[in-house]
Amino acid sequence: MRIAQRPEADALLARSPLAALTGMLLDQQVPMEWAFTGPHTIATRMGRDDLDAREIAAYDPDAFAALLAAKPAVHRYPASMAGRVQRLCQHVVDRYAGDAGAVWRGVATGGELLKRLEALPGYGPQKARIFLALLGKRLGVRPEGWREAAGPYGDEGVFRSVADITGPEALARVRATKQEAKRAAGERSS
């Protein structure tokens, strides 16, 4: 994983399912590398080297929001995202006994995994497909039909999303693809 573009943050994403889920949750309205550095920042501020779903879910909401808002803020909207992270963690506690990796462990099909991801708080259909592609392309989680379930994000050889980032050059290509898509959408709406 080389999404955050910071070795310690990327190492956490690679070893911690909850960090990966949290990074994807934070990936909106901020640069991708900022979002995916967020889990490492949260863990460090909590005095940990990993994230614990039970601990985060039980954290005082105001104190957790303050933790995310401390400079530099974890997200552009730290209070809102703090609540979303806590809801995600509570879901992981309630449905998966606090084990974020159980969201995908033992899943037989890409369709089943997609349903589990779509059920996560803060994950809509597009975010779930992107994360499914990230699991398959970067973490080797490849149940039968995973590429099809991920839709265009599962395609090989593309630079469409965070799932396609393998380093700085790939990040630049993903950004260029997104800018081109925005430009084309703007031309269509004119």
N, C-alpha and C. Protein backbone atom coordinates (compact mmCIF):
# COMPACT_ATOMS: atom_id res chain seq x y z
N MET A 1 0.85 -1.19 0.00
CA MET A 1 0.00 0.00 0.00
C MET A 1 0.89 1.24 0.00
N ARG A 2 0.59 2.14 -0.92
CA ARG A 2 1.33 3.40 -0.98
C ARG A 2 0.37 4.54 -1.25
N ILE A 3 -0.74 4.52 -0.53
CA ILE A 3 -1.80 5.51 -0.76
C ILE A 3 -1.51 6.81 -0.03
N ALA A 4 -1.15 6.71 1.25
CA ALA A 4 -0.92 7.90 2.07
C ALA A 4 0.36 8.62 1.66
N GLN A 5 1.27 7.91 1.00
CA GLN A 5 2.56 8.46 0.59
C GLN A 5 3.43 8.78 1.80
N ARG A 6 3.13 8.16 2.94
CA ARG A 6 3.95 8.24 4.16
C ARG A 6 4.14 6.82 4.64
N PRO A 7 5.38 6.35 4.73
CA PRO A 7 5.63 4.94 5.05
C PRO A 7 4.91 4.42 6.29
N GLU A 8 4.91 5.18 7.38
CA GLU A 8 4.28 4.69 8.60
C GLU A 8 2.75 4.62 8.47
N ALA A 9 2.18 5.56 7.76
CA ALA A 9 0.73 5.55 7.54
C ALA A 9 0.35 4.41 6.59
N ASP A 10 1.13 4.22 5.53
CA ASP A 10 0.87 3.13 4.59
C ASP A 10 1.05 1.77 5.25
N ALA A 11 2.02 1.65 6.14
CA ALA A 11 2.23 0.38 6.85
C ALA A 11 1.02 0.04 7.71
N LEU A 12 0.45 1.04 8.37
CA LEU A 12 -0.74 0.82 9.18
C LEU A 12 -1.91 0.38 8.30
N LEU A 13 -2.09 1.03 7.17
CA LEU A 13 -3.17 0.66 6.25
C LEU A 13 -3.03 -0.79 5.80
N ALA A 14 -1.80 -1.22 5.54
CA ALA A 14 -1.55 -2.57 5.04
C ALA A 14 -1.80 -3.64 6.10
N ARG A 15 -1.54 -3.32 7.37
CA ARG A 15 -1.67 -4.34 8.41
C ARG A 15 -2.97 -4.28 9.20
N SER A 16 -3.69 -3.17 9.12
CA SER A 16 -4.88 -2.98 9.95
C SER A 16 -6.14 -2.83 9.10
N PRO A 17 -7.01 -3.84 9.11
CA PRO A 17 -8.27 -3.71 8.37
C PRO A 17 -9.09 -2.49 8.79
N LEU A 18 -9.11 -2.18 10.10
CA LEU A 18 -9.87 -1.02 10.54
C LEU A 18 -9.27 0.28 10.02
N ALA A 19 -7.96 0.35 9.96
CA ALA A 19 -7.32 1.55 9.41
C ALA A 19 -7.69 1.72 7.93
N ALA A 20 -7.68 0.63 7.17
CA ALA A 20 -8.05 0.71 5.75
C ALA A 20 -9.50 1.15 5.59
N LEU A 21 -10.41 0.56 6.38
CA LEU A 21 -11.82 0.96 6.32
C LEU A 21 -11.99 2.43 6.70
N THR A 22 -11.26 2.87 7.72
CA THR A 22 -11.36 4.25 8.18
C THR A 22 -10.79 5.22 7.14
N GLY A 23 -9.67 4.87 6.54
CA GLY A 23 -9.10 5.72 5.50
C GLY A 23 -10.07 5.92 4.35
N MET A 24 -10.72 4.83 3.94
CA MET A 24 -11.70 4.93 2.86
C MET A 24 -12.88 5.80 3.28
N LEU A 25 -13.31 5.67 4.52
CA LEU A 25 -14.41 6.49 5.02
C LEU A 25 -14.05 7.97 4.96
N LEU A 26 -12.81 8.30 5.34
CA LEU A 26 -12.35 9.68 5.35
C LEU A 26 -12.11 10.25 3.96
N ASP A 27 -12.09 9.40 2.95
CA ASP A 27 -11.75 9.81 1.59
C ASP A 27 -12.93 10.49 0.90
N GLN A 28 -13.16 11.72 1.32
CA GLN A 28 -14.14 12.57 0.64
C GLN A 28 -13.84 14.02 1.00
N GLN A 29 -13.83 14.84 0.01
CA GLN A 29 -13.62 16.28 0.15
C GLN A 29 -12.25 16.66 0.72
N VAL A 30 -11.32 15.73 0.67
CA VAL A 30 -9.91 16.01 1.01
C VAL A 30 -9.05 15.19 0.05
N PRO A 31 -7.78 15.57 -0.12
CA PRO A 31 -6.91 14.76 -0.97
C PRO A 31 -6.79 13.32 -0.42
N MET A 32 -6.67 12.36 -1.33
CA MET A 32 -6.63 10.94 -0.94
C MET A 32 -5.55 10.66 0.09
N GLU A 33 -4.35 11.20 -0.13
CA GLU A 33 -3.28 10.89 0.81
C GLU A 33 -3.54 11.46 2.20
N TRP A 34 -4.26 12.58 2.28
CA TRP A 34 -4.64 13.16 3.57
C TRP A 34 -5.64 12.22 4.26
N ALA A 35 -6.62 11.78 3.52
CA ALA A 35 -7.63 10.86 4.08
C ALA A 35 -6.99 9.58 4.60
N PHE A 36 -6.11 9.00 3.82
CA PHE A 36 -5.53 7.71 4.19
C PHE A 36 -4.38 7.84 5.21
N THR A 37 -3.94 9.06 5.48
CA THR A 37 -3.03 9.30 6.59
C THR A 37 -3.82 9.41 7.89
N GLY A 38 -5.09 9.73 7.79
CA GLY A 38 -5.95 9.93 8.96
C GLY A 38 -5.92 8.80 9.98
N PRO A 39 -6.03 7.54 9.59
CA PRO A 39 -5.99 6.47 10.59
C PRO A 39 -4.70 6.46 11.42
N HIS A 40 -3.57 6.72 10.77
CA HIS A 40 -2.30 6.77 11.50
C HIS A 40 -2.30 7.95 12.48
N THR A 41 -2.81 9.09 12.04
CA THR A 41 -2.88 10.26 12.91
C THR A 41 -3.77 9.98 14.11
N ILE A 42 -4.91 9.35 13.89
CA ILE A 42 -5.82 9.01 14.99
C ILE A 42 -5.13 8.07 15.97
N ALA A 43 -4.53 7.01 15.46
CA ALA A 43 -3.85 6.04 16.33
C ALA A 43 -2.76 6.72 17.15
N THR A 44 -1.95 7.55 16.50
CA THR A 44 -0.86 8.24 17.19
C THR A 44 -1.41 9.14 18.29
N ARG A 45 -2.47 9.87 17.99
CA ARG A 45 -3.05 10.78 19.00
C ARG A 45 -3.69 10.02 20.16
N MET A 46 -4.08 8.78 19.89
CA MET A 46 -4.65 7.95 20.96
C MET A 46 -3.55 7.20 21.72
N GLY A 47 -2.29 7.40 21.30
CA GLY A 47 -1.18 6.74 21.95
C GLY A 47 -1.08 5.27 21.60
N ARG A 48 -1.53 4.91 20.41
CA ARG A 48 -1.55 3.52 19.96
C ARG A 48 -0.76 3.38 18.66
N ASP A 49 -0.46 2.13 18.31
CA ASP A 49 0.15 1.89 17.00
C ASP A 49 -0.84 1.21 16.07
N ASP A 50 -2.09 1.10 16.50
CA ASP A 50 -3.18 0.53 15.69
C ASP A 50 -4.49 1.15 16.17
N LEU A 51 -5.55 0.90 15.44
CA LEU A 51 -6.88 1.35 15.84
C LEU A 51 -7.64 0.19 16.44
N ASP A 52 -8.47 0.49 17.43
CA ASP A 52 -9.30 -0.52 18.08
C ASP A 52 -10.76 -0.07 17.98
N ALA A 53 -11.58 -0.85 17.30
CA ALA A 53 -12.97 -0.48 17.07
C ALA A 53 -13.73 -0.27 18.37
N ARG A 54 -13.52 -1.14 19.34
CA ARG A 54 -14.22 -1.01 20.62
C ARG A 54 -13.85 0.28 21.34
N GLU A 55 -12.56 0.58 21.35
CA GLU A 55 -12.09 1.80 22.02
C GLU A 55 -12.65 3.05 21.34
N ILE A 56 -12.62 3.08 20.03
CA ILE A 56 -13.12 4.27 19.31
C ILE A 56 -14.62 4.39 19.47
N ALA A 57 -15.35 3.29 19.37
CA ALA A 57 -16.81 3.35 19.51
C ALA A 57 -17.21 3.85 20.90
N ALA A 58 -16.43 3.51 21.92
CA ALA A 58 -16.76 3.88 23.29
C ALA A 58 -16.20 5.26 23.69
N TYR A 59 -15.39 5.84 22.86
CA TYR A 59 -14.74 7.13 23.17
C TYR A 59 -15.80 8.21 23.33
N ASP A 60 -15.60 9.11 24.25
CA ASP A 60 -16.51 10.23 24.41
C ASP A 60 -16.58 11.00 23.08
N PRO A 61 -17.79 11.19 22.53
CA PRO A 61 -17.89 11.83 21.20
C PRO A 61 -17.24 13.21 21.11
N ASP A 62 -17.41 14.03 22.14
CA ASP A 62 -16.81 15.37 22.10
C ASP A 62 -15.28 15.28 22.14
N ALA A 63 -14.77 14.38 22.98
CA ALA A 63 -13.32 14.21 23.07
C ALA A 63 -12.75 13.63 21.77
N PHE A 64 -13.50 12.71 21.14
CA PHE A 64 -13.03 12.14 19.88
C PHE A 64 -13.04 13.21 18.79
N ALA A 65 -14.07 14.04 18.76
CA ALA A 65 -14.12 15.13 17.78
C ALA A 65 -12.95 16.08 17.99
N ALA A 66 -12.62 16.37 19.25
CA ALA A 66 -11.48 17.25 19.55
C ALA A 66 -10.17 16.60 19.11
N LEU A 67 -10.07 15.30 19.27
CA LEU A 67 -8.88 14.57 18.86
C LEU A 67 -8.67 14.70 17.34
N LEU A 68 -9.76 14.60 16.58
CA LEU A 68 -9.65 14.73 15.12
C LEU A 68 -9.44 16.18 14.69
N ALA A 69 -9.89 17.12 15.51
CA ALA A 69 -9.79 18.54 15.16
C ALA A 69 -8.43 19.16 15.51
N ALA A 70 -7.66 18.50 16.40
CA ALA A 70 -6.35 19.04 16.78
C ALA A 70 -5.51 19.28 15.52
N LYS A 71 -4.71 20.31 15.55
CA LYS A 71 -3.93 20.68 14.36
C LYS A 71 -2.74 19.73 14.18
N PRO A 72 -2.47 19.29 13.00
CA PRO A 72 -3.32 19.44 11.81
C PRO A 72 -4.53 18.51 11.89
N ALA A 73 -5.67 19.03 11.51
CA ALA A 73 -6.91 18.28 11.59
C ALA A 73 -6.83 17.03 10.71
N VAL A 74 -7.50 15.99 11.17
CA VAL A 74 -7.53 14.72 10.43
C VAL A 74 -8.33 14.86 9.14
N HIS A 75 -9.30 15.76 9.15
CA HIS A 75 -10.18 15.94 7.99
C HIS A 75 -10.63 17.39 7.94
N ARG A 76 -11.08 17.79 6.80
CA ARG A 76 -11.60 19.14 6.60
C ARG A 76 -12.80 19.40 7.52
N TYR A 77 -13.60 18.36 7.79
CA TYR A 77 -14.76 18.44 8.68
C TYR A 77 -14.55 17.47 9.84
N PRO A 78 -13.67 17.80 10.79
CA PRO A 78 -13.29 16.83 11.81
C PRO A 78 -14.43 16.38 12.72
N ALA A 79 -15.32 17.25 13.12
CA ALA A 79 -16.40 16.85 14.02
C ALA A 79 -17.35 15.88 13.33
N SER A 80 -17.74 16.20 12.12
CA SER A 80 -18.63 15.32 11.35
C SER A 80 -17.99 13.97 11.09
N MET A 81 -16.73 13.99 10.69
CA MET A 81 -16.05 12.74 10.39
C MET A 81 -15.77 11.93 11.65
N ALA A 82 -15.57 12.59 12.77
CA ALA A 82 -15.39 11.86 14.03
C ALA A 82 -16.63 11.02 14.32
N GLY A 83 -17.79 11.61 14.13
CA GLY A 83 -19.04 10.86 14.33
C GLY A 83 -19.16 9.70 13.37
N ARG A 84 -18.77 9.91 12.13
CA ARG A 84 -18.84 8.84 11.14
C ARG A 84 -17.87 7.70 11.47
N VAL A 85 -16.67 8.06 11.92
CA VAL A 85 -15.70 7.03 12.30
C VAL A 85 -16.24 6.23 13.48
N GLN A 86 -16.83 6.91 14.45
CA GLN A 86 -17.37 6.20 15.61
C GLN A 86 -18.54 5.30 15.21
N ARG A 87 -19.39 5.74 14.29
CA ARG A 87 -20.50 4.89 13.82
C ARG A 87 -19.96 3.67 13.07
N LEU A 88 -18.93 3.86 12.26
CA LEU A 88 -18.30 2.74 11.57
C LEU A 88 -17.76 1.74 12.59
N CYS A 89 -17.07 2.24 13.59
CA CYS A 89 -16.49 1.36 14.61
C CYS A 89 -17.58 0.64 15.40
N GLN A 90 -18.67 1.33 15.71
CA GLN A 90 -19.76 0.68 16.43
C GLN A 90 -20.37 -0.44 15.59
N HIS A 91 -20.49 -0.22 14.30
CA HIS A 91 -20.99 -1.26 13.38
C HIS A 91 -20.06 -2.47 13.41
N VAL A 92 -18.76 -2.23 13.36
CA VAL A 92 -17.77 -3.31 13.39
C VAL A 92 -17.88 -4.07 14.72
N VAL A 93 -18.09 -3.36 15.80
CA VAL A 93 -18.27 -4.00 17.11
C VAL A 93 -19.55 -4.83 17.12
N ASP A 94 -20.64 -4.23 16.67
CA ASP A 94 -21.95 -4.90 16.72
C ASP A 94 -22.05 -6.10 15.79
N ARG A 95 -21.55 -5.97 14.57
CA ARG A 95 -21.72 -7.02 13.56
C ARG A 95 -20.55 -8.00 13.48
N TYR A 96 -19.35 -7.53 13.85
CA TYR A 96 -18.16 -8.35 13.63
C TYR A 96 -17.29 -8.49 14.90
N ALA A 97 -17.90 -8.30 16.06
CA ALA A 97 -17.22 -8.46 17.35
C ALA A 97 -15.92 -7.64 17.43
N GLY A 98 -15.90 -6.49 16.76
CA GLY A 98 -14.75 -5.60 16.81
C GLY A 98 -13.64 -5.94 15.83
N ASP A 99 -13.82 -6.98 15.03
CA ASP A 99 -12.79 -7.45 14.09
C ASP A 99 -13.12 -6.95 12.68
N ALA A 100 -12.50 -5.85 12.27
CA ALA A 100 -12.81 -5.25 10.97
C ALA A 100 -12.48 -6.19 9.81
N GLY A 101 -11.46 -7.02 9.96
CA GLY A 101 -11.12 -7.97 8.89
C GLY A 101 -12.21 -8.99 8.64
N ALA A 102 -13.07 -9.21 9.63
CA ALA A 102 -14.18 -10.15 9.46
C ALA A 102 -15.21 -9.64 8.45
N VAL A 103 -15.14 -8.36 8.10
CA VAL A 103 -16.04 -7.84 7.07
C VAL A 103 -15.82 -8.61 5.77
N TRP A 104 -14.57 -8.97 5.48
CA TRP A 104 -14.28 -9.68 4.22
C TRP A 104 -13.74 -11.09 4.41
N ARG A 105 -13.31 -11.43 5.58
CA ARG A 105 -12.75 -12.76 5.79
C ARG A 105 -13.82 -13.84 5.56
N GLY A 106 -13.50 -14.83 4.73
CA GLY A 106 -14.39 -15.96 4.50
C GLY A 106 -15.57 -15.68 3.58
N VAL A 107 -15.62 -14.50 2.97
CA VAL A 107 -16.71 -14.18 2.05
C VAL A 107 -16.51 -14.98 0.76
N ALA A 108 -17.56 -15.61 0.27
CA ALA A 108 -17.44 -16.50 -0.89
C ALA A 108 -17.47 -15.77 -2.23
N THR A 109 -18.22 -14.68 -2.31
CA THR A 109 -18.38 -14.01 -3.61
C THR A 109 -18.19 -12.50 -3.49
N GLY A 110 -17.84 -11.91 -4.62
CA GLY A 110 -17.72 -10.46 -4.67
C GLY A 110 -19.03 -9.77 -4.37
N GLY A 111 -20.14 -10.35 -4.82
CA GLY A 111 -21.45 -9.77 -4.55
C GLY A 111 -21.76 -9.74 -3.06
N GLU A 112 -21.42 -10.81 -2.37
CA GLU A 112 -21.65 -10.86 -0.92
C GLU A 112 -20.78 -9.82 -0.21
N LEU A 113 -19.53 -9.70 -0.64
CA LEU A 113 -18.63 -8.71 -0.04
C LEU A 113 -19.14 -7.30 -0.31
N LEU A 114 -19.61 -7.05 -1.51
CA LEU A 114 -20.14 -5.73 -1.84
C LEU A 114 -21.31 -5.39 -0.92
N LYS A 115 -22.20 -6.33 -0.66
CA LYS A 115 -23.34 -6.08 0.25
C LYS A 115 -22.86 -5.74 1.65
N ARG A 116 -21.85 -6.45 2.11
CA ARG A 116 -21.31 -6.16 3.45
C ARG A 116 -20.70 -4.76 3.50
N LEU A 117 -19.98 -4.38 2.45
CA LEU A 117 -19.37 -3.05 2.41
C LEU A 117 -20.43 -1.96 2.31
N GLU A 118 -21.45 -2.18 1.52
CA GLU A 118 -22.52 -1.18 1.39
C GLU A 118 -23.28 -1.00 2.69
N ALA A 119 -23.27 -2.00 3.55
CA ALA A 119 -23.96 -1.91 4.85
C ALA A 119 -23.16 -1.11 5.88
N LEU A 120 -21.89 -0.81 5.59
CA LEU A 120 -21.07 -0.05 6.53
C LEU A 120 -21.54 1.40 6.58
N PRO A 121 -21.66 1.97 7.78
CA PRO A 121 -22.01 3.39 7.88
C PRO A 121 -21.00 4.25 7.13
N GLY A 122 -21.51 5.17 6.32
CA GLY A 122 -20.65 6.06 5.56
C GLY A 122 -20.20 5.51 4.22
N TYR A 123 -20.59 4.29 3.91
CA TYR A 123 -20.23 3.66 2.63
C TYR A 123 -21.47 3.56 1.76
N GLY A 124 -21.47 4.29 0.67
CA GLY A 124 -22.52 4.13 -0.33
C GLY A 124 -22.06 3.16 -1.39
N PRO A 125 -22.85 2.99 -2.44
CA PRO A 125 -22.49 2.04 -3.50
C PRO A 125 -21.13 2.31 -4.16
N GLN A 126 -20.82 3.55 -4.46
CA GLN A 126 -19.55 3.85 -5.13
C GLN A 126 -18.37 3.61 -4.20
N LYS A 127 -18.44 4.10 -2.97
CA LYS A 127 -17.35 3.91 -2.01
C LYS A 127 -17.14 2.42 -1.76
N ALA A 128 -18.23 1.67 -1.66
CA ALA A 128 -18.12 0.22 -1.44
C ALA A 128 -17.42 -0.45 -2.62
N ARG A 129 -17.74 -0.07 -3.83
CA ARG A 129 -17.09 -0.66 -5.01
C ARG A 129 -15.60 -0.30 -5.08
N ILE A 130 -15.29 0.95 -4.75
CA ILE A 130 -13.89 1.36 -4.74
C ILE A 130 -13.12 0.57 -3.69
N PHE A 131 -13.71 0.42 -2.50
CA PHE A 131 -13.01 -0.32 -1.45
C PHE A 131 -12.87 -1.79 -1.81
N LEU A 132 -13.88 -2.35 -2.45
CA LEU A 132 -13.79 -3.74 -2.91
C LEU A 132 -12.63 -3.89 -3.90
N ALA A 133 -12.49 -2.93 -4.79
CA ALA A 133 -11.35 -2.95 -5.73
C ALA A 133 -10.03 -2.80 -4.99
N LEU A 134 -10.00 -1.95 -3.98
CA LEU A 134 -8.79 -1.78 -3.16
C LEU A 134 -8.42 -3.10 -2.48
N LEU A 135 -9.40 -3.78 -1.93
CA LEU A 135 -9.15 -5.07 -1.29
C LEU A 135 -8.56 -6.07 -2.28
N GLY A 136 -9.15 -6.13 -3.46
CA GLY A 136 -8.68 -7.08 -4.46
C GLY A 136 -7.33 -6.73 -5.04
N LYS A 137 -7.15 -5.48 -5.40
CA LYS A 137 -5.92 -5.06 -6.08
C LYS A 137 -4.72 -4.89 -5.14
N ARG A 138 -4.94 -4.41 -3.94
CA ARG A 138 -3.83 -4.08 -3.04
C ARG A 138 -3.67 -5.04 -1.87
N LEU A 139 -4.75 -5.72 -1.45
CA LEU A 139 -4.65 -6.57 -0.26
C LEU A 139 -4.91 -8.05 -0.54
N GLY A 140 -5.09 -8.39 -1.80
CA GLY A 140 -5.23 -9.80 -2.17
C GLY A 140 -6.53 -10.45 -1.72
N VAL A 141 -7.54 -9.67 -1.39
CA VAL A 141 -8.85 -10.21 -1.02
C VAL A 141 -9.65 -10.34 -2.31
N ARG A 142 -9.77 -11.58 -2.80
CA ARG A 142 -10.33 -11.79 -4.14
C ARG A 142 -11.35 -12.93 -4.16
N PRO A 143 -12.50 -12.74 -3.53
CA PRO A 143 -13.52 -13.78 -3.65
C PRO A 143 -14.00 -13.88 -5.10
N GLU A 144 -14.61 -14.97 -5.43
CA GLU A 144 -15.10 -15.18 -6.80
C GLU A 144 -15.98 -14.01 -7.23
N GLY A 145 -15.67 -13.46 -8.41
CA GLY A 145 -16.47 -12.37 -8.97
C GLY A 145 -16.18 -10.99 -8.37
N TRP A 146 -15.04 -10.85 -7.72
CA TRP A 146 -14.76 -9.57 -7.07
C TRP A 146 -14.61 -8.43 -8.08
N ARG A 147 -13.97 -8.70 -9.20
CA ARG A 147 -13.79 -7.61 -10.20
C ARG A 147 -15.14 -7.14 -10.74
N GLU A 148 -16.01 -8.08 -11.02
CA GLU A 148 -17.33 -7.71 -11.55
C GLU A 148 -18.12 -6.92 -10.50
N ALA A 149 -18.05 -7.35 -9.24
CA ALA A 149 -18.77 -6.65 -8.17
C ALA A 149 -18.22 -5.24 -7.97
N ALA A 150 -16.92 -5.06 -8.20
CA ALA A 150 -16.30 -3.74 -8.05
C ALA A 150 -16.63 -2.82 -9.22
N GLY A 151 -17.24 -3.34 -10.27
CA GLY A 151 -17.58 -2.53 -11.43
C GLY A 151 -16.32 -2.03 -12.11
N PRO A 152 -16.36 -0.83 -12.67
CA PRO A 152 -15.20 -0.33 -13.41
C PRO A 152 -13.96 -0.15 -12.53
N TYR A 153 -14.15 -0.05 -11.22
CA TYR A 153 -13.01 0.10 -10.31
C TYR A 153 -12.17 -1.18 -10.23
N GLY A 154 -12.75 -2.30 -10.60
CA GLY A 154 -12.04 -3.56 -10.58
C GLY A 154 -11.23 -3.83 -11.85
N ASP A 155 -11.43 -2.99 -12.87
CA ASP A 155 -10.70 -3.18 -14.13
C ASP A 155 -9.20 -3.11 -13.90
N GLU A 156 -8.48 -3.93 -14.66
CA GLU A 156 -7.02 -3.94 -14.59
C GLU A 156 -6.45 -2.87 -15.50
N GLY A 157 -5.32 -2.31 -15.11
CA GLY A 157 -4.61 -1.37 -15.98
C GLY A 157 -5.24 0.00 -16.07
N VAL A 158 -6.11 0.36 -15.13
CA VAL A 158 -6.73 1.68 -15.14
C VAL A 158 -6.18 2.50 -13.98
N PHE A 159 -6.44 3.79 -14.04
CA PHE A 159 -6.04 4.70 -12.97
C PHE A 159 -7.27 5.52 -12.60
N ARG A 160 -8.24 4.81 -12.01
CA ARG A 160 -9.56 5.37 -11.78
C ARG A 160 -9.78 5.80 -10.33
N SER A 161 -9.13 5.13 -9.38
CA SER A 161 -9.44 5.38 -7.98
C SER A 161 -8.25 5.07 -7.08
N VAL A 162 -8.47 5.22 -5.79
CA VAL A 162 -7.47 4.92 -4.79
C VAL A 162 -6.99 3.47 -4.90
N ALA A 163 -7.82 2.60 -5.42
CA ALA A 163 -7.45 1.19 -5.59
C ALA A 163 -6.31 1.00 -6.58
N ASP A 164 -6.06 2.01 -7.40
CA ASP A 164 -5.04 1.92 -8.44
C ASP A 164 -3.73 2.60 -8.07
N ILE A 165 -3.64 3.12 -6.85
CA ILE A 165 -2.44 3.85 -6.45
C ILE A 165 -1.39 2.89 -5.90
N THR A 166 -0.24 2.92 -6.57
CA THR A 166 0.89 2.09 -6.16
C THR A 166 2.11 2.94 -5.81
N GLY A 167 1.99 4.24 -5.94
CA GLY A 167 3.09 5.15 -5.66
C GLY A 167 2.77 6.53 -6.21
N PRO A 168 3.73 7.45 -6.14
CA PRO A 168 3.49 8.84 -6.58
C PRO A 168 3.05 8.97 -8.05
N GLU A 169 3.65 8.18 -8.94
CA GLU A 169 3.28 8.28 -10.36
C GLU A 169 1.84 7.83 -10.58
N ALA A 170 1.44 6.74 -9.93
CA ALA A 170 0.06 6.26 -10.06
C ALA A 170 -0.92 7.26 -9.44
N LEU A 171 -0.53 7.87 -8.33
CA LEU A 171 -1.38 8.91 -7.72
C LEU A 171 -1.61 10.05 -8.70
N ALA A 172 -0.56 10.49 -9.36
CA ALA A 172 -0.69 11.57 -10.35
C ALA A 172 -1.61 11.15 -11.50
N ARG A 173 -1.50 9.89 -11.93
CA ARG A 173 -2.36 9.42 -13.03
C ARG A 173 -3.82 9.32 -12.60
N VAL A 174 -4.06 8.88 -11.36
CA VAL A 174 -5.44 8.84 -10.84
C VAL A 174 -6.01 10.26 -10.78
N ARG A 175 -5.20 11.19 -10.29
CA ARG A 175 -5.67 12.60 -10.22
C ARG A 175 -5.99 13.13 -11.61
N ALA A 176 -5.15 12.83 -12.57
CA ALA A 176 -5.39 13.30 -13.94
C ALA A 176 -6.68 12.70 -14.50
N THR A 177 -6.92 11.43 -14.23
CA THR A 177 -8.15 10.77 -14.70
C THR A 177 -9.37 11.43 -14.07
N LYS A 178 -9.29 11.73 -12.77
CA LYS A 178 -10.42 12.38 -12.09
C LYS A 178 -10.66 13.78 -12.63
N GLN A 179 -9.59 14.52 -12.88
CA GLN A 179 -9.74 15.87 -13.44
C GLN A 179 -10.37 15.83 -14.83
N GLU A 180 -9.96 14.87 -15.63
CA GLU A 180 -10.53 14.72 -16.97
C GLU A 180 -12.02 14.38 -16.88
N ALA A 181 -12.38 13.50 -15.96
CA ALA A 181 -13.79 13.13 -15.77
C ALA A 181 -14.61 14.34 -15.34
N LYS A 182 -14.07 15.17 -14.44
CA LYS A 182 -14.77 16.38 -14.02
C LYS A 182 -14.94 17.35 -15.18
N ARG A 183 -13.88 17.51 -15.96
CA ARG A 183 -13.94 18.41 -17.11
C ARG A 183 -15.00 17.94 -18.10
N ALA A 184 -15.00 16.64 -18.38
CA ALA A 184 -15.97 16.08 -19.33
C ALA A 184 -17.39 16.23 -18.79
N ALA A 185 -17.58 16.03 -17.50
CA ALA A 185 -18.91 16.18 -16.91
C ALA A 185 -19.38 17.63 -17.00
N GLY A 186 -18.44 18.56 -16.80
CA GLY A 186 -18.76 19.98 -16.92
C GLY A 186 -19.17 20.36 -18.32
N GLU A 187 -18.51 19.78 -19.32
CA GLU A 187 -18.86 20.05 -20.71
C GLU A 187 -20.24 19.48 -21.06
N ARG A 188 -20.56 18.32 -20.51
CA ARG A 188 -21.87 17.71 -20.78
C ARG A 188 -23.01 18.50 -20.15
N SER A 189 -22.73 19.12 -18.99
CA SER A 189 -23.80 19.84 -18.30
C SER A 189 -23.99 21.24 -18.85
N SER A 190 -23.05 21.72 -19.69
CA SER A 190 -23.15 23.08 -20.26
C SER A 190 -24.15 23.13 -21.37
